[in-house]
């Protein structure tokens, strides 16, 4: 992994972070039984990390039939963990 660099790209319009690995040089990498060539600067898009406000996340949960119950945050409210229950169990 030394020949790859981590490159996060924040997409402000859609509110997510795209995570990329960028090859720092030309190389060939074996994944399982297959060799894959990479050019210097070639990117692999590995992940999207979506960023929602607490209100947006609660609305998204409700739209999927989940009922927000409790939420825990860091002191600056940059990160949150939500307890959700099935809408059937929330009554």
PDB file of N, CA and C in Angstrom:
ATOM      1  N   UNK A   1       0.822  -1.205   0.000  1.00  0.00           N
ATOM      2  CA  UNK A   1       0.000   0.000   0.000  1.00  0.00           C
ATOM      3  C   UNK A   1       0.858   1.258   0.000  1.00  0.00           C
ATOM      4  N   UNK A   2       2.167   1.138   0.098  1.00  0.00           N
ATOM      5  CA  UNK A   2       3.024   2.315   0.107  1.00  0.00           C
ATOM      6  C   UNK A   2       3.003   3.040  -1.229  1.00  0.00           C
ATOM      7  N   UNK A   3       2.631   2.348  -2.292  1.00  0.00           N
ATOM      8  CA  UNK A   3       2.620   2.964  -3.611  1.00  0.00           C
ATOM      9  C   UNK A   3       1.268   3.599  -3.944  1.00  0.00           C
ATOM     10  N   UNK A   4       0.384   3.688  -2.960  1.00  0.00           N
ATOM     11  CA  UNK A   4      -0.901   4.368  -3.116  1.00  0.00           C
ATOM     12  C   UNK A   4      -1.011   5.453  -2.056  1.00  0.00           C
ATOM     13  N   UNK A   5      -1.641   6.554  -2.415  1.00  0.00           N
ATOM     14  CA  UNK A   5      -1.905   7.640  -1.476  1.00  0.00           C
ATOM     15  C   UNK A   5      -3.411   7.752  -1.266  1.00  0.00           C
ATOM     16  N   UNK A   6      -3.805   8.031  -0.041  1.00  0.00           N
ATOM     17  CA  UNK A   6      -5.205   8.244   0.315  1.00  0.00           C
ATOM     18  C   UNK A   6      -5.598   9.657  -0.109  1.00  0.00           C
ATOM     19  N   UNK A   7      -6.726   9.791  -0.832  1.00  0.00           N
ATOM     20  CA  UNK A   7      -7.169  11.109  -1.286  1.00  0.00           C
ATOM     21  C   UNK A   7      -8.668  11.265  -1.049  1.00  0.00           C
ATOM     22  N   UNK A   8      -9.052  11.990   0.017  1.00  0.00           N
ATOM     23  CA  UNK A   8     -10.481  12.288   0.218  1.00  0.00           C
ATOM     24  C   UNK A   8     -10.870  13.519  -0.597  1.00  0.00           C
ATOM     25  N   UNK A   9     -12.063  13.487  -1.187  1.00  0.00           N
ATOM     26  CA  UNK A   9     -12.585  14.619  -1.956  1.00  0.00           C
ATOM     27  C   UNK A   9     -13.960  14.950  -1.399  1.00  0.00           C
ATOM     28  N   UNK A  10     -14.122  16.164  -0.853  1.00  0.00           N
ATOM     29  CA  UNK A  10     -15.409  16.547  -0.282  1.00  0.00           C
ATOM     30  C   UNK A  10     -16.296  17.127  -1.379  1.00  0.00           C
ATOM     31  N   UNK A  11     -17.451  16.532  -1.575  1.00  0.00           N
ATOM     32  CA  UNK A  11     -18.439  16.980  -2.542  1.00  0.00           C
ATOM     33  C   UNK A  11     -19.447  17.834  -1.781  1.00  0.00           C
ATOM     34  N   UNK A  12     -19.248  19.146  -1.785  1.00  0.00           N
ATOM     35  CA  UNK A  12     -20.104  20.046  -0.990  1.00  0.00           C
ATOM     36  C   UNK A  12     -21.530  20.096  -1.520  1.00  0.00           C
ATOM     37  N   UNK A  13     -21.705  19.964  -2.816  1.00  0.00           N
ATOM     38  CA  UNK A  13     -23.052  20.039  -3.400  1.00  0.00           C
ATOM     39  C   UNK A  13     -23.945  18.909  -2.895  1.00  0.00           C
ATOM     40  N   UNK A  14     -23.402  17.674  -2.878  1.00  0.00           N
ATOM     41  CA  UNK A  14     -24.202  16.514  -2.495  1.00  0.00           C
ATOM     42  C   UNK A  14     -23.986  16.079  -1.059  1.00  0.00           C
ATOM     43  N   UNK A  15     -23.003  16.676  -0.352  1.00  0.00           N
ATOM     44  CA  UNK A  15     -22.790  16.384   1.059  1.00  0.00           C
ATOM     45  C   UNK A  15     -22.168  15.036   1.356  1.00  0.00           C
ATOM     46  N   UNK A  16     -21.172  14.641   0.558  1.00  0.00           N
ATOM     47  CA  UNK A  16     -20.482  13.403   0.875  1.00  0.00           C
ATOM     48  C   UNK A  16     -18.991  13.556   0.636  1.00  0.00           C
ATOM     49  N   UNK A  17     -18.248  12.622   1.195  1.00  0.00           N
ATOM     50  CA  UNK A  17     -16.818  12.551   0.955  1.00  0.00           C
ATOM     51  C   UNK A  17     -16.563  11.316   0.110  1.00  0.00           C
ATOM     52  N   UNK A  18     -15.894  11.521  -1.021  1.00  0.00           N
ATOM     53  CA  UNK A  18     -15.451  10.407  -1.843  1.00  0.00           C
ATOM     54  C   UNK A  18     -14.043  10.038  -1.391  1.00  0.00           C
ATOM     55  N   UNK A  19     -13.808   8.768  -1.162  1.00  0.00           N
ATOM     56  CA  UNK A  19     -12.489   8.302  -0.768  1.00  0.00           C
ATOM     57  C   UNK A  19     -11.854   7.614  -1.981  1.00  0.00           C
ATOM     58  N   UNK A  20     -10.648   8.030  -2.302  1.00  0.00           N
ATOM     59  CA  UNK A  20      -9.909   7.469  -3.432  1.00  0.00           C
ATOM     60  C   UNK A  20      -8.547   6.988  -2.964  1.00  0.00           C
ATOM     61  N   UNK A  21      -8.035   5.976  -3.632  1.00  0.00           N
ATOM     62  CA  UNK A  21      -6.632   5.595  -3.546  1.00  0.00           C
ATOM     63  C   UNK A  21      -6.018   5.968  -4.886  1.00  0.00           C
ATOM     64  N   UNK A  22      -4.900   6.670  -4.849  1.00  0.00           N
ATOM     65  CA  UNK A  22      -4.251   7.137  -6.065  1.00  0.00           C
ATOM     66  C   UNK A  22      -2.875   6.482  -6.162  1.00  0.00           C
ATOM     67  N   UNK A  23      -2.620   5.860  -7.287  1.00  0.00           N
ATOM     68  CA  UNK A  23      -1.334   5.206  -7.495  1.00  0.00           C
ATOM     69  C   UNK A  23      -0.248   6.274  -7.623  1.00  0.00           C
ATOM     70  N   UNK A  24       0.797   6.152  -6.819  1.00  0.00           N
ATOM     71  CA  UNK A  24       1.868   7.148  -6.840  1.00  0.00           C
ATOM     72  C   UNK A  24       2.914   6.848  -7.916  1.00  0.00           C
ATOM     73  N   UNK A  25       2.757   5.705  -8.571  1.00  0.00           N
ATOM     74  CA  UNK A  25       3.690   5.342  -9.645  1.00  0.00           C
ATOM     75  C   UNK A  25       3.027   4.278 -10.514  1.00  0.00           C
ATOM     76  N   UNK A  26       3.597   4.020 -11.679  1.00  0.00           N
ATOM     77  CA  UNK A  26       3.133   2.915 -12.494  1.00  0.00           C
ATOM     78  C   UNK A  26       3.449   1.611 -11.784  1.00  0.00           C
ATOM     79  N   UNK A  27       2.469   0.708 -11.758  1.00  0.00           N
ATOM     80  CA  UNK A  27       2.664  -0.550 -11.032  1.00  0.00           C
ATOM     81  C   UNK A  27       1.638  -1.580 -11.483  1.00  0.00           C
ATOM     82  N   UNK A  28       1.873  -2.801 -11.108  1.00  0.00           N
ATOM     83  CA  UNK A  28       0.941  -3.889 -11.349  1.00  0.00           C
ATOM     84  C   UNK A  28       0.642  -4.525  -9.996  1.00  0.00           C
ATOM     85  N   UNK A  29      -0.635  -4.663  -9.687  1.00  0.00           N
ATOM     86  CA  UNK A  29      -1.057  -5.172  -8.382  1.00  0.00           C
ATOM     87  C   UNK A  29      -1.814  -6.483  -8.584  1.00  0.00           C
ATOM     88  N   UNK A  30      -1.477  -7.483  -7.790  1.00  0.00           N
ATOM     89  CA  UNK A  30      -2.169  -8.769  -7.861  1.00  0.00           C
ATOM     90  C   UNK A  30      -3.296  -8.756  -6.835  1.00  0.00           C
ATOM     91  N   UNK A  31      -4.518  -8.946  -7.315  1.00  0.00           N
ATOM     92  CA  UNK A  31      -5.701  -9.047  -6.462  1.00  0.00           C
ATOM     93  C   UNK A  31      -6.306 -10.412  -6.734  1.00  0.00           C
ATOM     94  N   UNK A  32      -6.259 -11.260  -5.705  1.00  0.00           N
ATOM     95  CA  UNK A  32      -6.576 -12.685  -5.862  1.00  0.00           C
ATOM     96  C   UNK A  32      -5.650 -13.255  -6.920  1.00  0.00           C
ATOM     97  N   UNK A  33      -6.175 -13.815  -7.998  1.00  0.00           N
ATOM     98  CA  UNK A  33      -5.306 -14.424  -9.010  1.00  0.00           C
ATOM     99  C   UNK A  33      -5.126 -13.509 -10.222  1.00  0.00           C
ATOM    100  N   UNK A  34      -5.596 -12.277 -10.130  1.00  0.00           N
ATOM    101  CA  UNK A  34      -5.584 -11.383 -11.295  1.00  0.00           C
ATOM    102  C   UNK A  34      -4.641 -10.199 -11.084  1.00  0.00           C
ATOM    103  N   UNK A  35      -3.838  -9.906 -12.084  1.00  0.00           N
ATOM    104  CA  UNK A  35      -2.951  -8.740 -12.051  1.00  0.00           C
ATOM    105  C   UNK A  35      -3.654  -7.560 -12.708  1.00  0.00           C
ATOM    106  N   UNK A  36      -3.590  -6.418 -12.054  1.00  0.00           N
ATOM    107  CA  UNK A  36      -4.207  -5.197 -12.568  1.00  0.00           C
ATOM    108  C   UNK A  36      -3.153  -4.103 -12.663  1.00  0.00           C
ATOM    109  N   UNK A  37      -2.970  -3.530 -13.848  1.00  0.00           N
ATOM    110  CA  UNK A  37      -1.977  -2.458 -13.985  1.00  0.00           C
ATOM    111  C   UNK A  37      -2.568  -1.108 -13.558  1.00  0.00           C
ATOM    112  N   UNK A  38      -1.737  -0.260 -12.979  1.00  0.00           N
ATOM    113  CA  UNK A  38      -2.120   1.105 -12.621  1.00  0.00           C
ATOM    114  C   UNK A  38      -1.091   2.073 -13.168  1.00  0.00           C
ATOM    115  N   UNK A  39      -1.571   3.169 -13.737  1.00  0.00           N
ATOM    116  CA  UNK A  39      -0.693   4.252 -14.167  1.00  0.00           C
ATOM    117  C   UNK A  39      -0.438   5.169 -12.984  1.00  0.00           C
ATOM    118  N   UNK A  40       0.650   5.897 -12.994  1.00  0.00           N
ATOM    119  CA  UNK A  40       0.893   6.921 -11.967  1.00  0.00           C
ATOM    120  C   UNK A  40      -0.253   7.925 -12.023  1.00  0.00           C
ATOM    121  N   UNK A  41      -0.847   8.213 -10.881  1.00  0.00           N
ATOM    122  CA  UNK A  41      -1.967   9.156 -10.808  1.00  0.00           C
ATOM    123  C   UNK A  41      -3.331   8.536 -11.010  1.00  0.00           C
ATOM    124  N   UNK A  42      -3.386   7.259 -11.384  1.00  0.00           N
ATOM    125  CA  UNK A  42      -4.673   6.602 -11.581  1.00  0.00           C
ATOM    126  C   UNK A  42      -5.354   6.407 -10.233  1.00  0.00           C
ATOM    127  N   UNK A  43      -6.659   6.672 -10.201  1.00  0.00           N
ATOM    128  CA  UNK A  43      -7.424   6.654  -8.959  1.00  0.00           C
ATOM    129  C   UNK A  43      -8.373   5.465  -8.899  1.00  0.00           C
ATOM    130  N   UNK A  44      -8.537   4.922  -7.698  1.00  0.00           N
ATOM    131  CA  UNK A  44      -9.551   3.905  -7.413  1.00  0.00           C
ATOM    132  C   UNK A  44     -10.534   4.549  -6.435  1.00  0.00           C
ATOM    133  N   UNK A  45     -11.790   4.656  -6.836  1.00  0.00           N
ATOM    134  CA  UNK A  45     -12.831   5.212  -5.963  1.00  0.00           C
ATOM    135  C   UNK A  45     -13.292   4.090  -5.036  1.00  0.00           C
ATOM    136  N   UNK A  46     -12.949   4.187  -3.740  1.00  0.00           N
ATOM    137  CA  UNK A  46     -13.190   3.080  -2.820  1.00  0.00           C
ATOM    138  C   UNK A  46     -14.412   3.243  -1.930  1.00  0.00           C
ATOM    139  N   UNK A  47     -14.881   4.469  -1.720  1.00  0.00           N
ATOM    140  CA  UNK A  47     -15.946   4.660  -0.731  1.00  0.00           C
ATOM    141  C   UNK A  47     -16.595   6.022  -0.898  1.00  0.00           C
ATOM    142  N   UNK A  48     -17.872   6.109  -0.544  1.00  0.00           N
ATOM    143  CA  UNK A  48     -18.561   7.377  -0.321  1.00  0.00           C
ATOM    144  C   UNK A  48     -18.980   7.403   1.134  1.00  0.00           C
ATOM    145  N   UNK A  49     -18.708   8.501   1.790  1.00  0.00           N
ATOM    146  CA  UNK A  49     -19.121   8.680   3.171  1.00  0.00           C
ATOM    147  C   UNK A  49     -20.090   9.853   3.193  1.00  0.00           C
ATOM    148  N   UNK A  50     -21.355   9.565   3.440  1.00  0.00           N
ATOM    149  CA  UNK A  50     -22.393  10.587   3.374  1.00  0.00           C
ATOM    150  C   UNK A  50     -22.458  11.375   4.671  1.00  0.00           C
ATOM    151  N   UNK A  51     -22.674  12.669   4.539  1.00  0.00           N
ATOM    152  CA  UNK A  51     -22.725  13.569   5.688  1.00  0.00           C
ATOM    153  C   UNK A  51     -24.122  14.195   5.749  1.00  0.00           C
ATOM    154  N   UNK A  52     -24.832  13.905   6.828  1.00  0.00           N
ATOM    155  CA  UNK A  52     -26.172  14.434   7.018  1.00  0.00           C
ATOM    156  C   UNK A  52     -26.220  15.241   8.307  1.00  0.00           C
ATOM    157  N   UNK A  53     -27.052  16.267   8.322  1.00  0.00           N
ATOM    158  CA  UNK A  53     -27.350  16.919   9.596  1.00  0.00           C
ATOM    159  C   UNK A  53     -28.219  15.953  10.389  1.00  0.00           C
ATOM    160  N   UNK A  54     -28.373  16.193  11.679  1.00  0.00           N
ATOM    161  CA  UNK A  54     -29.209  15.288  12.479  1.00  0.00           C
ATOM    162  C   UNK A  54     -30.644  15.294  11.971  1.00  0.00           C
ATOM    163  N   UNK A  55     -31.152  16.461  11.579  1.00  0.00           N
ATOM    164  CA  UNK A  55     -32.511  16.550  11.041  1.00  0.00           C
ATOM    165  C   UNK A  55     -32.653  15.789   9.727  1.00  0.00           C
ATOM    166  N   UNK A  56     -31.670  15.915   8.850  1.00  0.00           N
ATOM    167  CA  UNK A  56     -31.702  15.185   7.581  1.00  0.00           C
ATOM    168  C   UNK A  56     -31.680  13.677   7.815  1.00  0.00           C
ATOM    169  N   UNK A  57     -30.844  13.237   8.775  1.00  0.00           N
ATOM    170  CA  UNK A  57     -30.756  11.805   9.037  1.00  0.00           C
ATOM    171  C   UNK A  57     -32.069  11.280   9.613  1.00  0.00           C
ATOM    172  N   UNK A  58     -32.665  12.027  10.526  1.00  0.00           N
ATOM    173  CA  UNK A  58     -33.955  11.601  11.101  1.00  0.00           C
ATOM    174  C   UNK A  58     -35.030  11.501  10.022  1.00  0.00           C
ATOM    175  N   UNK A  59     -35.064  12.472   9.108  1.00  0.00           N
ATOM    176  CA  UNK A  59     -36.038  12.437   8.012  1.00  0.00           C
ATOM    177  C   UNK A  59     -35.785  11.230   7.111  1.00  0.00           C
ATOM    178  N   UNK A  60     -34.519  10.947   6.819  1.00  0.00           N
ATOM    179  CA  UNK A  60     -34.170   9.783   6.005  1.00  0.00           C
ATOM    180  C   UNK A  60     -34.602   8.494   6.698  1.00  0.00           C
ATOM    181  N   UNK A  61     -34.362   8.395   8.010  1.00  0.00           N
ATOM    182  CA  UNK A  61     -34.764   7.208   8.771  1.00  0.00           C
ATOM    183  C   UNK A  61     -36.286   7.031   8.726  1.00  0.00           C
ATOM    184  N   UNK A  62     -37.011   8.110   8.952  1.00  0.00           N
ATOM    185  CA  UNK A  62     -38.485   8.023   8.923  1.00  0.00           C
ATOM    186  C   UNK A  62     -38.989   7.589   7.547  1.00  0.00           C
ATOM    187  N   UNK A  63     -38.330   8.078   6.479  1.00  0.00           N
ATOM    188  CA  UNK A  63     -38.763   7.707   5.127  1.00  0.00           C
ATOM    189  C   UNK A  63     -38.554   6.221   4.867  1.00  0.00           C
ATOM    190  N   UNK A  64     -37.693   5.570   5.652  1.00  0.00           N
ATOM    191  CA  UNK A  64     -37.441   4.133   5.519  1.00  0.00           C
ATOM    192  C   UNK A  64     -38.163   3.340   6.610  1.00  0.00           C
ATOM    193  N   UNK A  65     -39.145   3.954   7.255  1.00  0.00           N
ATOM    194  CA  UNK A  65     -39.968   3.319   8.290  1.00  0.00           C
ATOM    195  C   UNK A  65     -39.201   2.994   9.566  1.00  0.00           C
ATOM    196  N   UNK A  66     -38.245   3.839   9.931  1.00  0.00           N
ATOM    197  CA  UNK A  66     -37.543   3.745  11.204  1.00  0.00           C
ATOM    198  C   UNK A  66     -37.921   4.954  12.041  1.00  0.00           C
ATOM    199  N   UNK A  67     -37.975   4.746  13.336  1.00  0.00           N
ATOM    200  CA  UNK A  67     -38.323   5.833  14.261  1.00  0.00           C
ATOM    201  C   UNK A  67     -37.088   6.216  15.078  1.00  0.00           C
ATOM    202  N   UNK A  68     -36.613   7.452  14.933  1.00  0.00           N
ATOM    203  CA  UNK A  68     -35.467   7.896  15.733  1.00  0.00           C
ATOM    204  C   UNK A  68     -35.842   7.950  17.209  1.00  0.00           C
ATOM    205  N   UNK A  69     -35.008   7.357  18.050  1.00  0.00           N
ATOM    206  CA  UNK A  69     -35.297   7.353  19.474  1.00  0.00           C
ATOM    207  C   UNK A  69     -34.301   8.237  20.227  1.00  0.00           C
ATOM    208  N   UNK A  70     -33.017   7.899  20.194  1.00  0.00           N
ATOM    209  CA  UNK A  70     -32.003   8.701  20.891  1.00  0.00           C
ATOM    210  C   UNK A  70     -30.837   8.967  19.962  1.00  0.00           C
ATOM    211  N   UNK A  71     -30.057   9.981  20.337  1.00  0.00           N
ATOM    212  CA  UNK A  71     -28.867  10.308  19.553  1.00  0.00           C
ATOM    213  C   UNK A  71     -27.744  10.701  20.500  1.00  0.00           C
ATOM    214  N   UNK A  72     -26.527  10.264  20.165  1.00  0.00           N
ATOM    215  CA  UNK A  72     -25.331  10.639  20.927  1.00  0.00           C
ATOM    216  C   UNK A  72     -24.411  11.388  19.974  1.00  0.00           C
ATOM    217  N   UNK A  73     -23.779  12.442  20.479  1.00  0.00           N
ATOM    218  CA  UNK A  73     -22.884  13.233  19.638  1.00  0.00           C
ATOM    219  C   UNK A  73     -21.576  13.521  20.370  1.00  0.00           C
ATOM    220  N   UNK A  74     -20.594  13.933  19.592  1.00  0.00           N
ATOM    221  CA  UNK A  74     -19.368  14.458  20.186  1.00  0.00           C
ATOM    222  C   UNK A  74     -19.676  15.884  20.666  1.00  0.00           C
ATOM    223  N   UNK A  75     -18.812  16.506  21.470  1.00  0.00           N
ATOM    224  CA  UNK A  75     -19.100  17.835  22.024  1.00  0.00           C
ATOM    225  C   UNK A  75     -19.398  18.905  20.969  1.00  0.00           C
ATOM    226  N   UNK A  76     -18.804  18.794  19.791  1.00  0.00           N
ATOM    227  CA  UNK A  76     -19.038  19.805  18.752  1.00  0.00           C
ATOM    228  C   UNK A  76     -20.154  19.413  17.785  1.00  0.00           C
ATOM    229  N   UNK A  77     -20.781  18.256  18.021  1.00  0.00           N
ATOM    230  CA  UNK A  77     -21.855  17.723  17.180  1.00  0.00           C
ATOM    231  C   UNK A  77     -21.426  17.548  15.723  1.00  0.00           C
ATOM    232  N   UNK A  78     -20.176  17.110  15.543  1.00  0.00           N
ATOM    233  CA  UNK A  78     -19.689  16.813  14.201  1.00  0.00           C
ATOM    234  C   UNK A  78     -20.009  15.377  13.804  1.00  0.00           C
ATOM    235  N   UNK A  79     -20.144  14.498  14.805  1.00  0.00           N
ATOM    236  CA  UNK A  79     -20.441  13.085  14.575  1.00  0.00           C
ATOM    237  C   UNK A  79     -21.602  12.686  15.473  1.00  0.00           C
ATOM    238  N   UNK A  80     -22.394  11.741  14.995  1.00  0.00           N
ATOM    239  CA  UNK A  80     -23.528  11.298  15.803  1.00  0.00           C
ATOM    240  C   UNK A  80     -23.779   9.815  15.583  1.00  0.00           C
ATOM    241  N   UNK A  81     -24.336   9.191  16.608  1.00  0.00           N
ATOM    242  CA  UNK A  81     -24.782   7.800  16.565  1.00  0.00           C
ATOM    243  C   UNK A  81     -26.254   7.832  16.931  1.00  0.00           C
ATOM    244  N   UNK A  82     -27.075   7.206  16.099  1.00  0.00           N
ATOM    245  CA  UNK A  82     -28.524   7.265  16.286  1.00  0.00           C
ATOM    246  C   UNK A  82     -29.088   5.909  16.659  1.00  0.00           C
ATOM    247  N   UNK A  83     -29.951   5.900  17.648  1.00  0.00           N
ATOM    248  CA  UNK A  83     -30.721   4.696  17.965  1.00  0.00           C
ATOM    249  C   UNK A  83     -32.029   4.795  17.203  1.00  0.00           C
ATOM    250  N   UNK A  84     -32.287   3.780  16.383  1.00  0.00           N
ATOM    251  CA  UNK A  84     -33.512   3.722  15.597  1.00  0.00           C
ATOM    252  C   UNK A  84     -34.271   2.459  15.956  1.00  0.00           C
ATOM    253  N   UNK A  85     -35.585   2.545  15.946  1.00  0.00           N
ATOM    254  CA  UNK A  85     -36.424   1.363  16.144  1.00  0.00           C
ATOM    255  C   UNK A  85     -37.389   1.264  14.975  1.00  0.00           C
ATOM    256  N   UNK A  86     -37.808   0.069  14.714  1.00  0.00           N
ATOM    257  CA  UNK A  86     -38.776  -0.130  13.651  1.00  0.00           C
ATOM    258  C   UNK A  86     -40.029   0.664  13.961  1.00  0.00           C
ATOM    259  N   UNK A  87     -40.629   1.256  12.948  1.00  0.00           N
ATOM    260  CA  UNK A  87     -41.867   2.007  13.157  1.00  0.00           C
ATOM    261  C   UNK A  87     -42.949   1.141  13.768  1.00  0.00           C
ATOM    262  N   UNK A  88     -42.923  -0.171  13.494  1.00  0.00           N
ATOM    263  CA  UNK A  88     -43.896  -1.084  14.086  1.00  0.00           C
ATOM    264  C   UNK A  88     -43.692  -1.202  15.583  1.00  0.00           C
ATOM    265  N   UNK A  89     -42.440  -1.114  16.046  1.00  0.00           N
ATOM    266  CA  UNK A  89     -42.118  -1.258  17.463  1.00  0.00           C
ATOM    267  C   UNK A  89     -42.164   0.060  18.226  1.00  0.00           C
ATOM    268  N   UNK A  90     -42.284   1.160  17.528  1.00  0.00           N
ATOM    269  CA  UNK A  90     -42.216   2.489  18.159  1.00  0.00           C
ATOM    270  C   UNK A  90     -43.505   2.886  18.843  1.00  0.00           C
ATOM    271  N   UNK A  91     -44.562   2.170  18.563  1.00  0.00           N
ATOM    272  CA  UNK A  91     -45.870   2.557  19.107  1.00  0.00           C
ATOM    273  C   UNK A  91     -46.091   2.039  20.493  1.00  0.00           C
TER     274      UNK A  91
END
